[in-house]
Protein backbone atom coordinates (compact mmCIF):
# COMPACT_ATOMS: atom_id res chain seq x y z
CA MET A 1 18.19 15.29 -2.20
CA THR A 2 17.51 19.45 -3.25
CA THR A 3 20.44 21.92 -3.91
CA ALA A 4 19.33 23.28 -0.37
CA MET A 5 19.24 20.10 1.96
CA GLY A 6 22.45 19.48 0.14
CA ALA A 7 24.07 22.28 1.30
CA ALA A 8 22.59 22.24 4.72
CA LEU A 9 24.16 18.84 5.01
CA ARG A 10 27.21 19.96 4.04
CA ARG A 11 27.56 22.13 6.50
CA ILE A 12 26.70 20.13 9.01
CA GLN A 13 29.38 17.88 8.23
CA LEU A 14 31.85 19.92 7.97
CA GLY A 15 31.11 21.03 11.72
CA ASN A 16 30.95 18.22 12.57
CA ALA A 17 34.63 17.48 11.46
CA LEU A 18 36.40 20.33 13.05
CA SER A 19 34.96 19.49 16.39
CA ALA A 20 35.47 16.10 16.08
CA PHE A 21 39.25 17.19 15.09
CA GLY A 22 39.54 19.01 18.00
CA ASN A 23 38.20 16.27 19.96
CA GLY A 24 41.45 14.68 18.84
CA PHE A 25 43.80 16.60 20.26
CA THR A 26 42.62 16.04 23.84
CA VAL A 27 41.23 12.46 24.19
CA PRO A 28 44.05 10.80 24.34
CA TYR A 29 45.69 12.76 26.49
CA LEU A 30 42.95 12.71 29.25
CA TYR A 31 44.19 10.50 31.69
CA VAL A 32 47.62 11.64 31.28
CA TYR A 33 47.04 14.97 32.20
CA VAL A 34 44.73 14.72 34.89
CA ALA A 35 46.90 12.19 36.70
CA LYS A 36 50.48 13.31 35.39
CA VAL A 37 50.28 17.14 34.65
CA ARG A 38 47.74 18.66 37.07
CA ASP A 39 48.89 16.02 39.79
CA LEU A 40 45.72 14.84 40.86
CA GLY A 41 46.57 11.01 40.59
CA ALA A 42 45.36 8.46 39.00
CA SER A 43 42.12 8.49 41.22
CA THR A 44 40.94 11.80 40.40
CA ALA A 45 41.55 10.31 36.82
CA GLY A 46 39.35 7.87 36.59
CA VAL A 47 36.66 9.95 37.85
CA VAL A 48 36.90 11.95 35.46
CA LEU A 49 36.96 9.29 32.28
CA ALA A 50 33.54 7.59 34.52
CA MET A 51 32.16 11.58 34.53
CA LEU A 52 31.75 11.70 31.03
CA ALA A 53 29.78 8.61 30.83
CA VAL A 54 27.87 9.67 33.86
CA ALA A 55 26.74 13.14 32.74
CA ALA A 56 25.93 11.87 29.13
CA LEU A 57 23.69 8.80 30.75
CA ALA A 58 21.93 11.92 33.08
CA VAL A 59 20.77 13.96 29.91
CA LEU A 60 20.18 11.66 27.05
CA PRO A 61 16.80 10.50 28.36
CA LEU A 62 15.59 14.19 28.61
CA THR A 63 17.48 15.55 24.93
CA GLY A 64 15.39 13.21 22.83
CA ARG A 65 12.30 15.21 24.29
CA ALA A 66 13.81 18.53 24.08
CA ILE A 67 14.93 17.90 19.95
CA ASP A 68 11.34 16.69 19.64
CA ARG A 69 9.76 19.42 20.94
CA ARG A 70 12.16 22.81 20.13
CA GLY A 71 14.08 20.76 17.03
CA PRO A 72 17.57 19.81 17.23
CA LEU A 73 18.97 23.27 16.26
CA PRO A 74 18.21 25.07 19.81
CA VAL A 75 19.90 21.66 21.32
CA ALA A 76 23.27 21.16 19.02
CA ILE A 77 24.11 24.76 20.10
CA VAL A 78 22.90 24.66 23.88
CA GLY A 79 25.04 21.15 23.52
CA THR A 80 28.30 22.64 21.25
CA VAL A 81 28.02 25.76 24.50
CA SER A 82 28.25 23.39 26.78
CA ALA A 83 31.33 21.13 25.68
CA ALA A 84 33.05 24.19 25.06
CA ILE A 85 32.40 25.84 28.52
CA GLY A 86 34.02 21.82 29.66
CA SER A 87 36.85 21.60 26.99
CA LEU A 88 37.64 24.98 28.82
CA GLY A 89 37.55 24.73 31.89
CA LEU A 90 39.39 21.30 31.80
CA GLY A 91 42.56 23.08 30.39
CA LEU A 92 42.19 26.17 33.16
CA SER A 93 40.92 23.77 36.20
CA SER A 94 43.80 22.90 38.55
CA THR A 95 41.80 21.64 41.48
CA GLU A 96 39.60 18.08 41.52
CA PRO A 97 36.49 19.96 41.82
CA LEU A 98 36.76 22.04 38.85
CA VAL A 99 38.06 19.08 36.95
CA ILE A 100 35.18 17.04 37.73
CA ALA A 101 32.55 19.55 36.48
CA SER A 102 34.16 20.49 33.52
CA ALA A 103 34.60 16.80 32.28
CA ALA A 104 30.80 16.92 33.46
CA ALA A 105 29.65 19.71 31.40
CA LEU A 106 31.97 18.21 28.60
CA GLY A 107 30.73 14.61 28.36
CA ALA A 108 26.89 16.36 28.78
CA GLY A 109 27.36 18.69 25.77
CA ILE A 110 28.79 15.83 23.64
CA ALA A 111 26.46 13.74 24.37
CA VAL A 112 23.49 16.27 23.94
CA VAL A 113 25.41 16.95 20.39
CA GLN A 114 25.27 13.51 19.00
CA PRO A 115 21.71 12.69 18.76
CA ALA A 116 20.56 16.70 18.16
CA LEU A 117 23.43 16.30 14.82
CA ALA A 118 21.66 12.71 14.25
CA THR A 119 17.85 14.18 13.63
CA MET A 120 19.70 17.05 11.67
CA ILE A 121 21.30 14.30 9.16
CA VAL A 122 17.90 13.27 8.80
CA TRP A 123 15.99 16.56 8.46
CA CYS A 124 18.40 17.02 5.51
CA SER A 125 18.61 13.36 3.85
CA THR A 126 15.85 11.33 2.22
CA THR A 127 15.08 7.84 2.65
CA VAL A 128 17.15 6.66 0.00
CA THR A 129 20.24 8.97 0.74
CA ARG A 130 20.95 8.75 4.59
CA SER A 131 22.59 5.97 5.21
CA ARG A 132 25.28 7.78 2.54
CA ALA A 133 24.89 10.76 4.56
CA PHE A 134 25.48 9.15 7.56
CA ALA A 135 28.35 7.03 6.19
CA THR A 136 30.23 10.43 5.20
CA GLN A 137 29.35 11.25 9.00
CA PHE A 138 31.15 8.20 9.84
CA PHE A 139 34.11 8.61 7.97
CA LEU A 140 34.24 12.08 8.80
CA ASN A 141 34.80 11.58 12.57
CA ASN A 142 37.10 9.10 12.37
CA LEU A 143 38.89 11.14 9.85
CA GLY A 144 38.68 13.95 11.97
CA LEU A 145 39.63 12.20 15.41
CA GLY A 146 42.33 10.65 13.42
CA VAL A 147 44.73 14.06 11.87
CA GLY A 148 43.40 15.52 15.71
CA GLY A 149 45.47 12.93 17.14
CA LEU A 150 48.84 13.47 15.61
CA VAL A 151 48.76 17.12 15.40
CA GLY A 152 48.10 16.91 19.58
CA GLY A 153 50.89 14.57 19.54
CA LEU A 154 53.16 17.22 17.47
CA LEU A 155 51.73 19.63 20.47
CA VAL A 156 52.09 18.16 23.51
CA ASP A 157 54.68 18.16 26.19
CA GLN A 158 53.71 16.49 29.34
CA SER A 159 56.22 18.42 31.55
CA HIS A 160 54.87 21.89 30.31
CA ALA A 161 51.07 22.43 31.32
CA ALA A 162 50.45 25.17 28.90
CA SER A 163 50.80 22.87 26.54
CA PHE A 164 47.36 21.15 27.25
CA VAL A 165 45.57 24.20 28.08
CA ARG A 166 46.33 24.90 24.23
CA LEU A 167 44.64 21.46 23.23
CA PHE A 168 42.08 22.28 25.39
CA ALA A 169 41.16 25.14 24.07
CA ILE A 170 41.82 24.32 20.55
CA GLU A 171 39.12 21.78 20.74
CA ALA A 172 36.89 24.64 22.85
CA VAL A 173 37.13 26.83 19.93
CA MET A 174 36.72 23.73 17.25
CA PHE A 175 33.32 23.21 19.15
CA LEU A 176 31.94 26.60 18.70
CA VAL A 177 33.02 26.54 15.08
CA LEU A 178 30.49 23.31 14.62
CA GLY A 179 27.30 25.32 16.96
CA ALA A 180 28.31 28.37 14.65
CA ALA A 181 27.82 26.24 11.05
CA VAL A 182 25.06 24.41 12.78
CA ALA A 183 23.44 27.67 13.51
CA THR A 184 23.84 29.04 10.01
CA VAL A 185 21.83 25.77 9.02
CA ARG A 186 18.36 26.33 7.33
CA LEU A 187 16.55 23.15 8.16
CA PRO A 188 13.98 22.14 5.40
CA ARG A 189 10.43 22.05 5.19
CA VAL A 190 9.87 19.84 2.29
CA PRO A 191 7.80 17.24 2.46
CA LYS A 192 10.30 14.37 3.10
CA VAL A 193 10.79 15.89 6.64
CA GLU A 194 8.19 18.37 7.25
CA ASP A 195 5.88 15.99 9.13
CA ALA A 196 8.94 15.89 11.53
CA VAL A 197 9.09 19.33 12.41
CA PRO A 198 8.33 19.96 15.77
CA SER A 199 4.98 21.46 16.57
CA GLU A 200 3.04 22.95 19.53
CA GLU A 201 1.07 18.95 20.05
CA ARG A 202 3.40 15.85 21.01
CA PRO A 203 2.02 12.58 21.98
CA ALA A 204 2.06 12.15 25.04
CA GLY A 205 4.11 9.25 26.71
CA ALA A 206 7.34 9.59 24.00
CA TRP A 207 8.72 6.61 26.54
CA ARG A 208 5.71 4.76 26.67
CA ALA A 209 5.72 4.97 22.63
CA LEU A 210 9.03 3.95 22.28
CA PHE A 211 8.54 0.97 24.71
CA ALA A 212 6.37 -0.55 22.79
CA ASP A 213 8.19 -0.49 19.31
CA ARG A 214 8.88 -3.90 19.28
CA ARG A 215 11.26 -3.53 16.14
CA MET A 216 13.28 -0.68 18.06
CA MET A 217 13.51 -2.79 21.54
CA TRP A 218 15.39 -5.59 19.15
CA VAL A 219 17.32 -2.68 17.23
CA CYS A 220 18.03 -1.13 21.19
CA LEU A 221 19.16 -4.47 22.00
CA LEU A 222 21.49 -5.60 19.24
CA GLY A 223 22.66 -1.54 19.68
CA PHE A 224 24.29 -2.97 23.18
CA VAL A 225 25.48 -5.92 21.89
CA LEU A 226 27.06 -4.56 19.23
CA PHE A 227 29.03 -1.65 21.19
CA PHE A 228 29.40 -3.87 24.15
CA ALA A 229 31.60 -6.05 22.01
CA CYS A 230 33.37 -3.25 19.98
CA TYR A 231 33.55 0.23 21.77
CA GLY A 232 33.35 -1.53 24.91
CA GLN A 233 36.79 -3.08 24.83
CA PHE A 234 39.10 -0.89 23.02
CA GLU A 235 40.43 1.08 25.94
CA SER A 236 39.88 -1.29 28.31
CA GLY A 237 40.02 -5.38 28.32
CA LEU A 238 41.37 -5.38 24.70
CA ALA A 239 44.18 -2.97 25.61
CA ALA A 240 44.48 -5.07 28.83
CA TYR A 241 44.64 -8.36 26.36
CA ALA A 242 46.71 -6.95 24.01
CA THR A 243 49.44 -5.81 26.66
CA GLU A 244 49.47 -9.10 28.79
CA VAL A 245 48.44 -11.49 26.93
CA THR A 246 49.96 -11.26 23.69
CA ARG A 247 52.33 -9.15 24.98
CA ILE A 248 53.19 -5.76 22.50
CA PRO A 249 54.53 -2.92 23.76
CA PRO A 250 52.65 0.27 24.28
CA ALA A 251 53.80 1.39 20.93
CA SER A 252 52.55 -1.13 18.62
CA LEU A 253 49.17 -0.83 21.13
CA GLY A 254 49.09 2.55 19.03
CA ILE A 255 50.16 1.17 15.78
CA ALA A 256 46.73 -1.36 16.36
CA LEU A 257 44.80 1.81 17.17
CA ALA A 258 46.02 3.69 13.93
CA ALA A 259 45.15 0.60 12.10
CA ASN A 260 41.76 0.75 13.41
CA THR A 261 41.77 4.27 12.04
CA ALA A 262 43.57 3.46 9.12
CA ALA A 263 41.06 0.93 7.69
CA ILE A 264 37.61 2.84 8.47
CA VAL A 265 38.68 6.13 6.35
CA ALA A 266 40.26 3.68 3.53
CA ALA A 267 37.05 1.11 3.54
CA GLN A 268 34.50 3.51 4.11
CA PHE A 269 33.26 4.65 0.68
CA VAL A 270 34.26 1.37 -1.42
CA VAL A 271 32.26 -0.85 1.24
CA LEU A 272 29.49 2.07 0.97
CA LYS A 273 29.44 1.26 -2.33
CA LEU A 274 28.65 -2.68 -1.64
CA VAL A 275 25.95 -2.21 1.11
CA GLU A 276 24.45 0.42 0.13
CA ARG A 277 21.94 -1.86 -1.93
CA ARG A 278 22.08 -4.36 -0.03
CA ARG A 279 20.05 -5.66 3.17
CA ARG A 280 20.85 -3.54 6.43
CA SER A 281 20.01 -6.95 8.85
CA ARG A 282 22.43 -8.73 6.60
CA VAL A 283 25.17 -6.56 6.32
CA MET A 284 24.87 -6.20 10.23
CA ALA A 285 25.07 -9.54 10.70
CA LEU A 286 27.89 -9.84 8.56
CA VAL A 287 28.95 -7.39 10.97
CA GLY A 288 28.77 -10.23 13.59
CA MET A 289 30.71 -12.60 11.42
CA VAL A 290 33.34 -10.63 10.15
CA TRP A 291 34.08 -9.37 14.14
CA THR A 292 34.28 -13.37 15.08
CA VAL A 293 37.19 -13.23 13.08
CA ALA A 294 38.97 -9.83 14.73
CA TRP A 295 38.17 -11.92 18.13
CA LEU A 296 39.31 -15.79 17.09
CA ALA A 297 42.60 -13.46 15.74
CA ALA A 298 42.80 -11.51 19.03
CA GLY A 299 43.27 -15.10 21.26
CA LEU A 300 45.00 -16.82 18.96
CA SER A 301 47.69 -13.72 19.19
CA GLY A 302 47.54 -14.74 22.77
CA LEU A 303 48.75 -18.40 21.85
CA VAL A 304 51.67 -17.43 19.32
CA HIS A 305 54.16 -17.57 22.19
CA GLY A 306 58.20 -17.32 21.05
CA ALA A 307 56.74 -15.28 17.60
CA GLN A 308 56.19 -11.66 18.83
CA ALA A 309 55.81 -10.76 15.03
CA VAL A 310 53.20 -13.58 14.16
CA ALA A 311 51.24 -12.29 17.17
CA THR A 312 51.44 -8.57 16.74
CA THR A 313 50.29 -9.12 13.63
CA LEU A 314 47.89 -10.72 14.79
CA LEU A 315 46.23 -8.29 17.73
CA ILE A 316 47.04 -5.43 14.62
CA SER A 317 44.20 -7.59 12.12
CA THR A 318 42.43 -7.24 14.76
CA TYR A 319 41.71 -3.66 15.67
CA ALA A 320 41.58 -3.76 11.20
CA LEU A 321 38.86 -6.01 11.13
CA PHE A 322 36.66 -4.10 13.80
CA GLY A 323 37.03 -0.85 11.78
CA ILE A 324 35.69 -2.79 7.89
CA GLY A 325 32.86 -3.55 10.96
CA GLU A 326 32.53 -0.28 11.81
CA SER A 327 32.88 0.99 8.03
CA MET A 328 29.61 -1.22 7.23
CA LEU A 329 27.77 -0.72 9.74
CA SER A 330 27.86 3.16 9.63
CA PRO A 331 25.49 3.61 6.95
CA THR A 332 23.02 0.58 7.98
CA VAL A 333 22.69 1.36 11.89
CA ALA A 334 21.61 4.86 12.65
CA PRO A 335 19.30 5.19 9.54
CA LEU A 336 17.42 1.91 10.44
CA VAL A 337 16.78 3.80 14.04
CA ALA A 338 15.50 7.32 11.98
CA ASP A 339 13.45 4.93 9.82
CA LEU A 340 12.30 3.26 12.65
CA ALA A 341 11.23 6.11 14.80
CA PRO A 342 7.41 8.24 13.93
CA ALA A 343 7.84 11.07 12.10
CA SER A 344 6.97 13.30 15.86
CA LEU A 345 9.61 11.51 17.43
CA ILE A 346 12.90 11.26 15.53
CA GLY A 347 14.84 12.94 18.48
CA GLN A 348 13.61 10.42 20.85
CA TYR A 349 14.61 7.67 19.14
CA ASN A 350 17.88 9.05 17.83
CA SER A 351 18.32 9.99 21.77
CA ALA A 352 17.22 6.62 23.38
CA PHE A 353 19.76 4.99 20.81
CA ALA A 354 22.32 7.15 22.14
CA LEU A 355 21.97 6.23 25.66
CA VAL A 356 22.14 2.81 24.88
CA LYS A 357 25.10 3.78 23.10
CA GLN A 358 26.60 4.94 26.29
CA LEU A 359 25.39 2.31 28.49
CA ALA A 360 26.76 0.32 26.16
CA LEU A 361 29.90 1.43 26.32
CA ALA A 362 30.14 2.55 30.42
CA VAL A 363 29.60 -1.70 31.39
CA GLY A 364 32.00 -3.13 28.52
CA PRO A 365 35.44 -1.47 29.83
CA ALA A 366 33.61 -2.80 34.00
CA VAL A 367 33.54 -6.27 32.25
CA GLY A 368 36.37 -6.01 30.14
CA ALA A 369 38.99 -4.60 32.62
CA LEU A 370 37.58 -6.86 35.19
CA MET A 371 38.03 -10.41 32.99
CA VAL A 372 41.45 -9.86 32.04
CA GLY A 373 42.75 -8.33 35.58
CA HIS A 374 41.67 -11.47 37.14
CA GLY A 375 42.95 -13.60 34.55
CA MET A 376 40.11 -14.58 32.80
CA TYR A 377 41.79 -14.62 29.60
CA GLY A 378 40.01 -17.87 27.99
CA ALA A 379 36.95 -16.84 29.11
CA TYR A 380 37.05 -13.04 28.46
CA ILE A 381 37.68 -14.47 24.30
CA VAL A 382 35.12 -16.69 24.32
CA MET A 383 32.46 -14.18 26.12
CA LEU A 384 33.30 -11.82 23.23
CA VAL A 385 32.74 -14.67 20.26
CA VAL A 386 29.81 -15.69 21.34
CA CYS A 387 28.48 -11.28 21.43
CA ALA A 388 29.58 -11.90 17.56
CA LEU A 389 27.75 -14.68 17.30
CA GLY A 390 25.01 -12.83 18.86
CA ILE A 391 24.99 -9.63 16.58
CA THR A 392 24.40 -12.05 13.49
CA ALA A 393 21.69 -14.00 15.39
CA LEU A 394 19.76 -10.61 16.19
CA SER A 395 20.81 -8.93 12.92
CA LEU A 396 19.48 -11.73 11.58
CA ARG A 397 16.33 -11.15 13.76
CA VAL A 398 15.71 -7.97 13.47
CA GLY A 399 15.63 -8.54 9.54
CA ARG A 400 12.97 -10.48 9.77
CA MET A 401 10.67 -8.26 11.62
CA LEU A 402 11.53 -5.32 9.48
CA ARG A 403 9.02 -3.83 6.51
CA PRO A 404 10.98 -4.56 3.70
CA TRP A 405 11.31 -0.70 2.70
CA GLN A 406 13.15 -0.24 6.48
CA ASP A 407 15.84 -3.16 5.59
CA ASN A 408 16.24 -1.62 2.68
CA PRO A 409 15.79 1.69 1.65
CA HIS A 410 16.27 1.22 -1.81
CA ARG A 411 12.81 -0.64 -2.49
CA ALA A 412 11.12 2.57 -0.64
CA ALA A 413 12.66 4.74 -3.56
CA PRO A 414 9.72 4.29 -6.56
CA ALA A 415 7.28 4.83 -4.32
CA ALA A 416 8.42 8.49 -3.61
CA VAL A 417 6.91 9.48 -7.26
CA VAL A 418 3.90 8.13 -6.45
CA PRO A 419 0.74 10.46 -5.76
CA ALA A 420 -0.04 11.48 -1.91
CA ALA A 421 -3.79 9.61 -1.99
CA ARG A 422 -2.80 6.36 -3.65
CA VAL A 423 0.74 6.05 -0.96
CA PRO A 424 -0.69 4.02 2.04
CA ALA A 425 -0.23 6.63 5.32
CA GLU A 426 1.92 3.51 6.87
CA ALA A 427 4.14 3.67 3.96
CA GLU A 428 3.98 7.10 3.14
CA SER A 429 5.28 7.73 6.99
CA VAL A 430 8.85 6.01 6.10
CA VAL A 431 9.36 7.30 2.57
CA CYS A 432 9.01 10.60 4.72
CA GLY A 433 12.19 9.91 6.74
CA ALA A 434 9.91 7.74 9.59
């Protein structure tokens, strides 16, 4: 990686970490703020939380096209401004329409920023360094969210709305800091990524081209199951199971969530060192096995009656194992999506995968809450064990479809120094970050 690329990437990562820090201030308290502090009721709070996802689903189909036509930098800036307006609006709004509108602006802004930043990271990295770049982004995101949540907990006071206004104002400022950091980045125009720089002509039918890519379709299916079985359950099905079946107190649930973040922060770079030269498909398959153990531990925690300490330990272990699996995914899935994409459609591929994630995050909580709410505890655990095993099976299926340098980017490293005239066109596009 050149010095210029490294400097640009560091600036992107720093801004991203600060925005995650600001986001951590408000995420744990949004429901309480709307329902209790603003006294708008549980129904309005539910609509606000749903609006975050709905707004994301509305803008993501258009985001990839904007990134590939205009470049990720202006799209990211627009996203940060929208998120800042939405965050500040939430802090200042006291009526239902304004709160819902602010949530829509926040959700849309965050959704736009994610694939734009992912594309910028692709442009500022090579096929070989991309895994480390995305792992660093994931690490800093979780560190920022964790620290932000802790600091926010010290500042918030449910009896004073002004304390929440302060939290949302800090979040808005952090989004603007991200926008300022992004605005000062000079994206490199070097052979590794120059084919991805938008030009006047862009292949027609971007969505048609994406749907015709069988490998990407299988990766999207894998992504849906991954996000459904993990993130889609954290704040709904698994949390409900923990409190209603395992019967752990809310404070212990907070410890379990902290264990998830701690596992990611502690293990990310150790895991990265172990997996970055391994086949991506095998690493993702191993994640499925780790999460199978996690869901079995969760199920067992609901069967250990009369041994609350054991049950709580099992439940906390579930969250920690999820963190280990997440730290294995961060250097594999997002870089794989980037390496599957044609040079002119990197933004489209990143946005499509972000859309799959949002769909899983919309469906997952609904299914989990419905099953646990109707007492289908055993079926709930069985379903997620099957999903975890499905991750392993899908990963191995994807691995058989990938080219060697897509499955293990270090196999492509020697090709980077071969004269262009001697590199096959298809291989050259992959080495250049396609």
